[in-house]
N, C-alpha and C. Protein backbone atom coordinates (compact mmCIF):
# COMPACT_ATOMS: atom_id res chain seq x y z
N UNK A 1 -6.62 -19.44 -30.77
CA UNK A 1 -6.10 -18.95 -31.56
C UNK A 1 -5.61 -19.68 -32.17
N UNK A 2 -4.61 -20.84 -31.95
CA UNK A 2 -3.35 -20.82 -32.22
C UNK A 2 -3.75 -22.28 -33.72
N UNK A 3 -5.23 -23.10 -33.42
CA UNK A 3 -5.97 -23.38 -34.19
C UNK A 3 -6.32 -22.87 -35.73
N UNK A 4 -6.25 -22.08 -35.12
CA UNK A 4 -6.98 -20.61 -36.70
C UNK A 4 -5.62 -20.61 -37.89
N UNK A 5 -4.67 -19.94 -36.58
CA UNK A 5 -3.16 -19.27 -37.10
C UNK A 5 -2.63 -20.31 -38.38
N UNK A 6 -3.16 -21.61 -37.17
CA UNK A 6 -2.09 -22.79 -38.06
C UNK A 6 -3.01 -23.24 -39.25
N UNK A 7 -4.33 -23.20 -39.62
CA UNK A 7 -5.01 -23.48 -40.48
C UNK A 7 -4.68 -22.66 -41.71
N UNK A 8 -3.96 -21.42 -41.36
CA UNK A 8 -3.53 -20.34 -42.48
C UNK A 8 -2.18 -20.53 -43.01
N UNK A 9 -1.70 -21.78 -42.71
CA UNK A 9 0.02 -21.65 -43.34
C UNK A 9 -0.38 -23.26 -43.78
N UNK A 10 0.26 -23.45 -44.87
CA UNK A 10 0.09 -25.00 -45.37
C UNK A 10 1.29 -25.59 -44.96
N UNK A 11 2.80 -25.17 -45.36
CA UNK A 11 4.10 -26.40 -45.22
C UNK A 11 4.16 -26.54 -43.58
N UNK A 12 4.51 -28.01 -43.63
CA UNK A 12 4.85 -28.62 -41.77
C UNK A 12 5.61 -27.88 -41.27
N UNK A 13 6.80 -27.23 -41.94
CA UNK A 13 7.56 -26.52 -41.30
C UNK A 13 6.98 -25.47 -40.75
N UNK A 14 6.30 -24.64 -41.30
CA UNK A 14 5.56 -23.18 -41.11
C UNK A 14 4.71 -23.62 -40.17
N UNK A 15 3.91 -24.42 -39.97
CA UNK A 15 2.87 -24.61 -38.74
C UNK A 15 3.89 -25.36 -37.75
N UNK A 16 5.10 -26.00 -37.50
CA UNK A 16 5.83 -26.44 -36.60
C UNK A 16 6.32 -24.79 -36.04
N UNK A 17 6.78 -24.37 -36.76
CA UNK A 17 7.47 -23.07 -35.76
C UNK A 17 6.91 -22.18 -35.87
N UNK A 18 5.54 -21.74 -36.20
CA UNK A 18 4.41 -20.64 -35.69
C UNK A 18 3.84 -21.19 -34.20
N UNK A 19 4.04 -22.56 -34.04
CA UNK A 19 3.36 -23.33 -33.06
C UNK A 19 4.35 -22.82 -31.93
N UNK A 20 5.58 -23.22 -32.06
CA UNK A 20 6.70 -23.04 -31.14
C UNK A 20 6.68 -21.03 -31.03
N UNK A 21 7.01 -20.62 -32.03
CA UNK A 21 6.19 -19.21 -31.36
C UNK A 21 5.22 -19.11 -30.48
N UNK A 22 3.87 -19.30 -30.91
CA UNK A 22 2.90 -19.16 -30.23
C UNK A 22 3.07 -19.90 -28.48
N UNK A 23 3.44 -20.61 -28.38
CA UNK A 23 3.51 -21.60 -27.23
C UNK A 23 4.72 -20.82 -26.20
N UNK A 24 6.01 -20.08 -27.26
CA UNK A 24 6.96 -19.30 -26.20
C UNK A 24 6.77 -18.13 -26.04
N UNK A 25 6.21 -17.11 -26.94
CA UNK A 25 5.78 -15.81 -27.11
C UNK A 25 4.36 -15.50 -26.63
N UNK A 26 3.61 -16.00 -27.05
CA UNK A 26 1.89 -15.43 -26.53
C UNK A 26 2.19 -15.09 -25.34
N UNK A 27 1.92 -15.52 -24.36
CA UNK A 27 1.93 -14.73 -22.67
C UNK A 27 2.51 -13.36 -22.63
N UNK A 28 3.56 -13.20 -23.29
CA UNK A 28 5.07 -12.39 -23.42
C UNK A 28 4.24 -10.92 -24.35
N UNK A 29 4.02 -11.55 -25.36
CA UNK A 29 3.01 -10.47 -25.99
C UNK A 29 2.21 -10.13 -25.28
N UNK A 30 1.06 -11.02 -24.89
CA UNK A 30 -0.26 -10.43 -24.36
C UNK A 30 0.30 -9.57 -23.08
N UNK A 31 1.04 -10.16 -22.63
CA UNK A 31 1.34 -8.59 -21.47
C UNK A 31 2.35 -7.63 -21.60
N UNK A 32 2.60 -7.37 -22.68
CA UNK A 32 3.11 -6.34 -23.10
C UNK A 32 2.13 -5.36 -23.41
N UNK A 33 1.07 -6.02 -24.51
CA UNK A 33 0.41 -5.07 -25.18
C UNK A 33 -1.13 -5.12 -23.88
N UNK A 34 -1.25 -5.64 -22.61
CA UNK A 34 -1.96 -5.20 -21.84
C UNK A 34 -1.09 -3.93 -20.93
N UNK A 35 0.25 -3.45 -21.44
CA UNK A 35 0.74 -2.40 -20.71
C UNK A 35 0.35 -1.41 -21.84
N UNK A 36 0.24 -1.69 -22.96
CA UNK A 36 0.02 -0.31 -23.66
C UNK A 36 -1.47 -0.19 -24.01
N UNK A 37 -2.66 -1.05 -23.45
CA UNK A 37 -4.31 -1.02 -24.19
C UNK A 37 -4.30 -1.37 -22.54
N UNK A 38 -5.97 -0.56 -22.17
CA UNK A 38 -6.60 -0.60 -20.68
C UNK A 38 -7.57 -2.02 -20.70
N UNK A 39 -7.96 -1.70 -22.20
CA UNK A 39 -8.93 -3.47 -22.31
C UNK A 39 -8.28 -5.08 -22.88
N UNK A 40 -8.66 -5.66 -22.25
CA UNK A 40 -7.77 -6.66 -22.50
C UNK A 40 -8.34 -7.38 -24.12
N UNK A 41 -9.77 -6.96 -24.62
CA UNK A 41 -10.17 -7.33 -25.86
C UNK A 41 -8.92 -6.73 -26.89
N UNK A 42 -8.86 -5.22 -27.08
CA UNK A 42 -8.31 -4.76 -27.39
C UNK A 42 -6.59 -5.11 -27.20
N UNK A 43 -5.69 -5.95 -26.42
CA UNK A 43 -4.83 -6.60 -26.28
C UNK A 43 -4.67 -7.51 -27.01
N UNK A 44 -6.25 -8.41 -26.83
CA UNK A 44 -5.89 -9.68 -27.17
C UNK A 44 -5.78 -9.25 -29.06
N UNK A 45 -6.93 -8.62 -29.29
CA UNK A 45 -6.25 -7.97 -31.25
C UNK A 45 -5.21 -7.50 -31.48
N UNK A 46 -4.61 -6.64 -30.23
CA UNK A 46 -3.21 -6.08 -30.52
C UNK A 46 -2.67 -7.54 -31.53
N UNK A 47 -2.28 -8.59 -30.46
CA UNK A 47 -1.25 -10.10 -30.37
C UNK A 47 -2.38 -10.29 -31.81
N UNK A 48 -3.29 -10.67 -31.78
CA UNK A 48 -3.89 -11.32 -32.80
C UNK A 48 -3.02 -10.61 -34.16
N UNK A 49 -3.39 -9.28 -34.11
CA UNK A 49 -2.92 -9.07 -35.85
C UNK A 49 -1.31 -8.78 -35.42
N UNK A 50 -0.46 -8.71 -34.40
CA UNK A 50 0.81 -9.00 -34.26
C UNK A 50 0.61 -10.50 -35.00
N UNK A 51 0.21 -11.62 -34.98
CA UNK A 51 0.32 -12.89 -35.41
C UNK A 51 -0.16 -13.22 -36.82
N UNK A 52 -1.02 -12.13 -36.76
CA UNK A 52 -1.50 -12.65 -38.69
C UNK A 52 -0.13 -11.31 -39.28
N UNK A 53 0.39 -10.48 -39.17
CA UNK A 53 1.96 -10.03 -39.72
C UNK A 53 2.67 -11.35 -39.41
N UNK A 54 2.89 -11.66 -39.01
CA UNK A 54 4.15 -12.68 -38.43
C UNK A 54 3.66 -13.73 -39.91
N UNK A 55 2.85 -14.34 -40.01
CA UNK A 55 1.96 -15.51 -40.50
C UNK A 55 2.97 -14.97 -42.09
N UNK A 56 2.80 -13.66 -42.40
CA UNK A 56 2.72 -12.84 -43.81
C UNK A 56 4.36 -12.48 -44.14
N UNK A 57 5.20 -13.16 -42.86
CA UNK A 57 7.00 -12.86 -43.06
C UNK A 57 7.63 -14.06 -42.51
N UNK A 58 6.92 -15.41 -42.61
CA UNK A 58 7.19 -16.86 -42.15
C UNK A 58 8.78 -16.96 -42.53
N UNK A 59 8.90 -17.00 -43.82
CA UNK A 59 9.99 -17.50 -44.96
C UNK A 59 10.74 -16.19 -44.39
N UNK A 60 10.75 -14.83 -44.33
CA UNK A 60 12.27 -14.04 -43.47
C UNK A 60 12.29 -14.54 -42.33
N UNK A 61 11.35 -14.65 -41.14
CA UNK A 61 11.68 -14.59 -39.81
C UNK A 61 12.12 -16.07 -39.27
N UNK A 62 11.82 -17.31 -39.92
CA UNK A 62 12.28 -18.62 -39.65
C UNK A 62 13.65 -18.55 -38.99
N UNK A 63 14.30 -18.17 -39.67
CA UNK A 63 15.99 -18.20 -39.78
C UNK A 63 16.68 -17.32 -38.27
N UNK A 64 15.70 -16.62 -37.91
CA UNK A 64 16.39 -15.35 -37.17
C UNK A 64 16.45 -16.35 -36.04
N UNK A 65 17.81 -15.63 -35.34
CA UNK A 65 17.94 -16.09 -33.74
C UNK A 65 16.68 -16.07 -32.61
N UNK A 66 16.92 -16.50 -32.03
CA UNK A 66 15.66 -16.38 -30.91
C UNK A 66 15.63 -15.47 -30.06
N UNK A 67 16.91 -14.78 -30.04
CA UNK A 67 17.33 -13.41 -29.63
C UNK A 67 16.34 -12.58 -30.08
N UNK A 68 16.62 -12.82 -31.61
CA UNK A 68 16.21 -11.75 -32.32
C UNK A 68 14.51 -11.82 -32.33
N UNK A 69 14.13 -13.11 -32.28
CA UNK A 69 13.11 -13.24 -32.87
C UNK A 69 12.25 -12.83 -31.46
N UNK A 70 12.43 -12.80 -30.64
CA UNK A 70 11.81 -11.92 -29.14
C UNK A 70 11.79 -10.10 -29.13
N UNK A 71 12.85 -9.68 -30.10
CA UNK A 71 12.73 -8.44 -30.15
C UNK A 71 12.00 -8.64 -31.31
N UNK A 72 11.93 -9.11 -32.32
CA UNK A 72 10.90 -8.68 -33.22
C UNK A 72 9.20 -8.84 -32.73
N UNK A 73 9.26 -9.65 -31.97
CA UNK A 73 7.62 -9.56 -31.76
C UNK A 73 6.81 -8.88 -30.60
N UNK A 74 8.22 -8.20 -29.87
CA UNK A 74 8.23 -6.86 -28.91
C UNK A 74 7.93 -5.85 -29.70
N UNK A 75 8.66 -5.67 -30.77
CA UNK A 75 8.39 -4.72 -31.51
C UNK A 75 6.76 -4.69 -32.71
N UNK A 76 6.70 -5.73 -33.11
CA UNK A 76 5.41 -5.92 -34.08
C UNK A 76 4.77 -5.79 -32.58
N UNK A 77 4.25 -6.47 -31.22
CA UNK A 77 3.44 -6.02 -30.91
C UNK A 77 2.94 -4.51 -30.06
N UNK A 78 3.93 -3.92 -29.84
CA UNK A 78 3.73 -2.05 -29.56
C UNK A 78 3.55 -1.98 -31.22
N UNK A 79 3.84 -2.38 -32.00
CA UNK A 79 3.81 -1.36 -33.49
C UNK A 79 2.00 -2.00 -33.33
N UNK A 80 1.03 -2.84 -33.07
CA UNK A 80 0.04 -3.10 -33.28
C UNK A 80 -0.64 -2.72 -32.27
N UNK A 81 -0.34 -2.23 -31.15
CA UNK A 81 -1.36 -1.24 -30.16
C UNK A 81 -1.22 0.30 -30.56
N UNK A 82 0.23 0.78 -31.24
CA UNK A 82 -0.08 1.80 -31.22
C UNK A 82 -0.79 1.81 -32.45
N UNK A 83 -0.69 1.62 -32.92
CA UNK A 83 -1.71 1.70 -34.42
C UNK A 83 -3.30 1.66 -33.81
N UNK A 84 -3.66 0.36 -32.84
CA UNK A 84 -4.90 0.21 -32.71
C UNK A 84 -5.48 2.30 -31.87
N UNK A 85 -4.52 2.58 -30.80
CA UNK A 85 -4.53 3.64 -30.14
C UNK A 85 -4.93 4.54 -30.98
N UNK A 86 -3.71 4.81 -32.22
CA UNK A 86 -3.69 6.24 -33.14
C UNK A 86 -5.41 5.73 -34.28
N UNK A 87 -5.96 4.58 -34.58
CA UNK A 87 -6.98 4.86 -35.17
C UNK A 87 -8.34 4.99 -33.91
N UNK A 88 -8.66 4.58 -32.43
CA UNK A 88 -9.29 4.85 -31.87
C UNK A 88 -9.30 6.04 -30.91
N UNK A 89 -8.57 6.73 -31.37
CA UNK A 89 -8.43 7.76 -30.36
C UNK A 89 -8.68 9.18 -31.46
N UNK A 90 -8.83 10.22 -30.53
CA UNK A 90 -9.03 11.64 -31.42
C UNK A 90 -7.77 12.21 -31.08
N UNK A 91 -7.21 13.35 -32.00
CA UNK A 91 -6.14 13.84 -31.87
C UNK A 91 -6.27 14.81 -30.51
N UNK A 92 -4.84 15.00 -30.11
CA UNK A 92 -5.10 15.32 -28.71
C UNK A 92 -3.93 16.58 -28.34
N UNK A 93 -3.84 18.38 -28.91
CA UNK A 93 -3.16 18.68 -28.63
C UNK A 93 -2.28 18.62 -27.16
N UNK A 94 -1.05 19.11 -26.73
CA UNK A 94 0.03 18.51 -25.82
C UNK A 94 -0.83 19.79 -24.75
N UNK A 95 -1.48 21.15 -25.35
CA UNK A 95 -1.68 21.94 -24.27
C UNK A 95 -2.90 22.26 -23.58
N UNK A 96 -4.18 20.82 -24.30
CA UNK A 96 -5.29 20.36 -23.99
C UNK A 96 -5.20 19.19 -23.12
N UNK A 97 -4.15 19.03 -22.81
CA UNK A 97 -4.42 17.34 -22.06
C UNK A 97 -4.51 17.75 -20.56
N UNK A 98 -4.93 18.59 -19.80
CA UNK A 98 -5.46 18.58 -18.65
C UNK A 98 -6.69 18.67 -18.93
N UNK A 99 -7.66 19.33 -19.44
CA UNK A 99 -8.74 19.45 -20.38
C UNK A 99 -9.26 17.69 -21.12
N UNK A 100 -8.36 17.43 -21.81
CA UNK A 100 -8.40 15.95 -22.36
C UNK A 100 -8.88 14.67 -20.85
N UNK A 101 -7.79 15.19 -20.13
CA UNK A 101 -7.72 14.23 -19.07
C UNK A 101 -9.12 14.00 -18.23
N UNK A 102 -9.36 15.23 -18.12
CA UNK A 102 -10.89 15.61 -17.17
C UNK A 102 -11.81 15.31 -17.93
N UNK A 103 -11.93 14.98 -19.25
CA UNK A 103 -13.12 14.78 -19.68
C UNK A 103 -13.29 12.98 -20.04
N UNK A 104 -12.14 12.52 -20.57
CA UNK A 104 -11.87 11.41 -21.16
C UNK A 104 -12.34 10.00 -20.00
N UNK A 105 -12.64 9.30 -20.77
CA UNK A 105 -12.89 7.95 -19.92
C UNK A 105 -11.58 7.39 -19.37
N UNK A 106 -11.66 7.11 -18.91
CA UNK A 106 -10.46 5.99 -17.99
C UNK A 106 -8.93 5.42 -19.10
N UNK A 107 -10.22 4.78 -19.61
CA UNK A 107 -9.55 3.82 -20.90
C UNK A 107 -8.62 4.98 -21.93
N UNK A 108 -9.29 5.99 -22.27
CA UNK A 108 -8.54 6.94 -23.37
C UNK A 108 -7.46 7.64 -22.65
N UNK A 109 -7.87 7.94 -21.24
CA UNK A 109 -6.41 8.50 -20.68
C UNK A 109 -5.17 7.67 -20.72
N UNK A 110 -5.74 6.44 -20.17
CA UNK A 110 -4.14 5.34 -20.16
C UNK A 110 -4.11 5.26 -21.17
N UNK A 111 -4.73 5.41 -22.54
CA UNK A 111 -3.62 4.73 -23.45
C UNK A 111 -2.22 6.38 -24.18
N UNK A 112 -3.24 7.45 -23.30
CA UNK A 112 -2.26 8.77 -23.73
C UNK A 112 -0.56 8.38 -22.59
N UNK A 113 -1.47 7.77 -21.14
CA UNK A 113 -0.39 7.57 -20.01
C UNK A 113 0.39 6.34 -20.43
N UNK A 114 0.20 5.43 -20.88
CA UNK A 114 1.18 4.57 -21.74
C UNK A 114 2.01 5.08 -22.46
N UNK A 115 1.70 6.52 -23.39
CA UNK A 115 2.53 6.96 -24.05
C UNK A 115 3.83 7.16 -23.46
N UNK A 116 3.52 8.08 -22.39
CA UNK A 116 4.52 8.74 -20.71
C UNK A 116 5.62 7.80 -20.47
N UNK A 117 4.46 6.71 -19.67
CA UNK A 117 4.97 5.75 -19.15
C UNK A 117 6.78 5.12 -20.14
N UNK A 118 6.21 5.27 -21.55
CA UNK A 118 7.44 4.65 -22.40
C UNK A 118 8.35 5.70 -22.51
N UNK A 119 8.46 6.20 -21.75
CA UNK A 119 9.40 8.01 -22.39
C UNK A 119 10.90 7.20 -21.34
N UNK A 120 12.03 8.07 -21.94
CA UNK A 120 12.70 7.64 -20.71
C UNK A 120 12.51 8.32 -19.42
N UNK A 121 13.36 7.37 -18.26
CA UNK A 121 12.80 7.88 -17.00
C UNK A 121 13.28 9.31 -17.07
N UNK A 122 14.42 9.92 -16.76
CA UNK A 122 14.82 11.50 -16.47
C UNK A 122 13.58 11.72 -16.71
N UNK A 123 12.57 11.61 -17.67
CA UNK A 123 11.89 12.43 -17.79
C UNK A 123 10.23 12.41 -18.04
N UNK A 124 10.16 10.67 -17.77
CA UNK A 124 8.78 10.19 -17.21
C UNK A 124 8.45 10.59 -15.96
N UNK A 125 8.82 10.65 -15.28
CA UNK A 125 8.85 10.80 -13.48
C UNK A 125 8.23 12.25 -13.54
N UNK A 126 9.12 13.01 -13.77
CA UNK A 126 8.72 14.30 -13.60
C UNK A 126 7.72 14.46 -14.64
N UNK A 127 7.20 14.51 -15.98
CA UNK A 127 5.86 14.33 -16.45
C UNK A 127 4.45 13.81 -15.89
N UNK A 128 5.00 12.05 -15.24
CA UNK A 128 3.92 11.44 -14.55
C UNK A 128 2.84 12.35 -13.18
N UNK A 129 4.17 12.71 -12.57
CA UNK A 129 4.22 13.48 -11.70
C UNK A 129 3.37 14.94 -11.63
N UNK A 130 3.61 15.36 -12.95
CA UNK A 130 2.91 17.09 -13.23
C UNK A 130 1.55 16.88 -13.71
N UNK A 131 1.41 15.74 -14.78
CA UNK A 131 0.19 16.16 -15.48
C UNK A 131 -0.72 14.99 -15.12
N UNK A 132 -0.18 13.82 -14.66
CA UNK A 132 -1.01 12.75 -13.96
C UNK A 132 -1.91 12.84 -12.69
N UNK A 133 -0.50 13.21 -11.77
CA UNK A 133 -0.90 12.93 -10.95
C UNK A 133 -1.03 14.50 -10.46
N UNK A 134 -0.78 15.69 -11.04
CA UNK A 134 -1.08 17.15 -10.89
C UNK A 134 -0.37 17.42 -9.30
N UNK A 135 0.94 17.10 -9.43
CA UNK A 135 1.50 17.66 -8.50
C UNK A 135 2.32 19.19 -8.89
N UNK A 136 2.65 19.73 -7.56
CA UNK A 136 3.70 21.15 -7.77
C UNK A 136 5.22 20.50 -8.29
N UNK A 137 5.16 22.05 -8.77
CA UNK A 137 7.06 21.83 -8.88
C UNK A 137 7.64 21.59 -8.03
N UNK A 138 7.38 21.91 -6.40
CA UNK A 138 7.88 21.81 -5.39
C UNK A 138 8.20 20.71 -4.79
N UNK A 139 6.45 19.86 -5.04
CA UNK A 139 6.54 18.26 -4.78
C UNK A 139 7.10 17.71 -5.39
N UNK A 140 7.48 18.00 -6.57
CA UNK A 140 8.22 16.94 -7.32
C UNK A 140 9.38 16.89 -7.38
N UNK A 141 10.05 18.50 -6.80
CA UNK A 141 11.73 18.86 -6.44
C UNK A 141 11.38 17.54 -5.52
N UNK A 142 11.26 17.58 -4.23
CA UNK A 142 11.31 16.79 -3.03
C UNK A 142 10.86 15.49 -3.45
N UNK A 143 10.21 14.73 -4.24
CA UNK A 143 10.09 13.88 -4.34
C UNK A 143 11.51 13.09 -5.19
N UNK A 144 11.73 13.80 -6.28
CA UNK A 144 12.68 13.22 -6.66
C UNK A 144 14.14 14.13 -6.37
N UNK A 145 14.05 14.55 -5.44
CA UNK A 145 15.70 15.19 -4.50
C UNK A 145 16.42 16.04 -5.48
N UNK A 146 15.31 17.01 -6.36
CA UNK A 146 16.01 17.87 -7.44
C UNK A 146 15.78 18.83 -7.28
N UNK A 147 16.51 20.23 -7.45
CA UNK A 147 16.10 21.69 -7.25
C UNK A 147 14.74 21.59 -7.96
N UNK A 148 13.69 22.72 -7.90
CA UNK A 148 12.40 23.17 -8.60
C UNK A 148 13.34 23.59 -10.31
N UNK A 149 14.09 23.87 -10.41
CA UNK A 149 14.58 24.59 -11.84
C UNK A 149 15.40 22.93 -12.20
N UNK A 150 15.65 22.18 -11.61
CA UNK A 150 15.45 21.29 -12.73
C UNK A 150 14.42 20.63 -13.09
N UNK A 151 13.17 20.59 -11.95
CA UNK A 151 12.25 20.14 -12.53
C UNK A 151 11.67 20.51 -13.54
N UNK A 152 11.53 21.91 -13.86
CA UNK A 152 11.01 22.76 -14.86
C UNK A 152 12.02 22.48 -16.23
N UNK A 153 13.10 22.38 -15.92
CA UNK A 153 14.05 21.78 -17.39
C UNK A 153 13.62 20.74 -17.70
N UNK A 154 13.39 19.75 -16.44
CA UNK A 154 13.26 17.91 -17.20
C UNK A 154 11.20 18.40 -17.78
N UNK A 155 10.51 19.22 -17.30
CA UNK A 155 9.31 18.74 -17.36
C UNK A 155 9.75 19.42 -19.06
N UNK A 156 9.90 21.03 -19.35
CA UNK A 156 10.24 21.67 -20.56
C UNK A 156 10.72 20.70 -21.75
N UNK A 157 11.50 19.67 -21.92
CA UNK A 157 11.90 19.00 -22.26
C UNK A 157 11.44 17.99 -22.39
N UNK A 158 10.85 17.37 -21.25
CA UNK A 158 9.70 16.36 -21.38
C UNK A 158 8.25 16.62 -21.95
N UNK A 159 8.55 17.78 -21.99
CA UNK A 159 7.20 18.05 -23.23
C UNK A 159 6.87 18.10 -24.74
N UNK A 160 8.35 18.90 -24.40
CA UNK A 160 9.06 18.83 -25.98
C UNK A 160 9.37 17.16 -26.82
N UNK A 161 9.99 15.83 -25.78
CA UNK A 161 9.53 14.67 -26.35
C UNK A 161 8.45 14.44 -26.47
N UNK A 162 7.60 14.54 -25.67
CA UNK A 162 6.30 13.88 -25.36
C UNK A 162 5.07 14.60 -27.07
N UNK A 163 5.63 15.74 -27.03
CA UNK A 163 4.66 16.51 -28.34
C UNK A 163 5.22 15.62 -29.33
N UNK A 164 6.74 15.29 -29.63
CA UNK A 164 7.07 14.48 -31.30
C UNK A 164 6.59 13.52 -31.11
N UNK A 165 6.39 12.78 -29.68
CA UNK A 165 6.08 11.11 -29.23
C UNK A 165 4.60 10.95 -29.80
N UNK A 166 3.56 12.15 -29.51
CA UNK A 166 2.34 12.06 -29.45
C UNK A 166 2.14 12.21 -30.92
N UNK A 167 3.02 13.38 -31.65
CA UNK A 167 2.76 13.69 -32.77
C UNK A 167 3.06 12.26 -33.53
N UNK A 168 4.28 11.50 -33.36
CA UNK A 168 4.99 10.27 -34.35
C UNK A 168 3.72 9.10 -34.38
N UNK A 169 2.70 9.44 -32.77
CA UNK A 169 1.88 8.42 -32.55
C UNK A 169 0.28 8.23 -33.36
N UNK A 170 0.00 9.74 -34.06
CA UNK A 170 -0.93 10.33 -34.87
C UNK A 170 -1.69 10.68 -33.60
N UNK A 171 -1.21 11.33 -32.29
CA UNK A 171 -2.19 11.64 -31.79
C UNK A 171 -2.33 13.43 -32.01
N UNK A 172 -1.51 14.17 -32.37
CA UNK A 172 -1.19 15.66 -32.77
C UNK A 172 -1.01 15.72 -33.80
N UNK A 173 -1.57 16.81 -34.81
CA UNK A 173 -1.09 17.34 -35.78
C UNK A 173 0.30 17.63 -36.35
């Protein structure tokens, strides 16, 4: 792929800079994409799209400090993953999550689960146990060493945050 990317740029500094970015960050970007997307081909597509985006902004990006460049690439890959998920997945109201998870192929459910896993730990653990592992409030309370009331509050707040995130990512209207 690097050869193809290098063919898209003309200036020697662009080729050198792009080679450096590819060699330093490709594996990290692919690993991040794999966490969002179940299929290896889709993860590779997301990284490819991120590199094409990067090529379109070489002038602006070449002077970024390396620590900021890594963050930029991370955001670019995440956005490409979410774009692929939005394009390929039907909208799923949160209330229908149980039915959807039961009917969906595992890769489809994994994409929604990735949104849950990206949430803050306070809500992520409770939602993951409730919706993905189908545990009771009592079981969750025991696992997290919380009261059942605290678990219900976390699930309620987590559901609201999840609905917002799913809406932002194009899963719900």
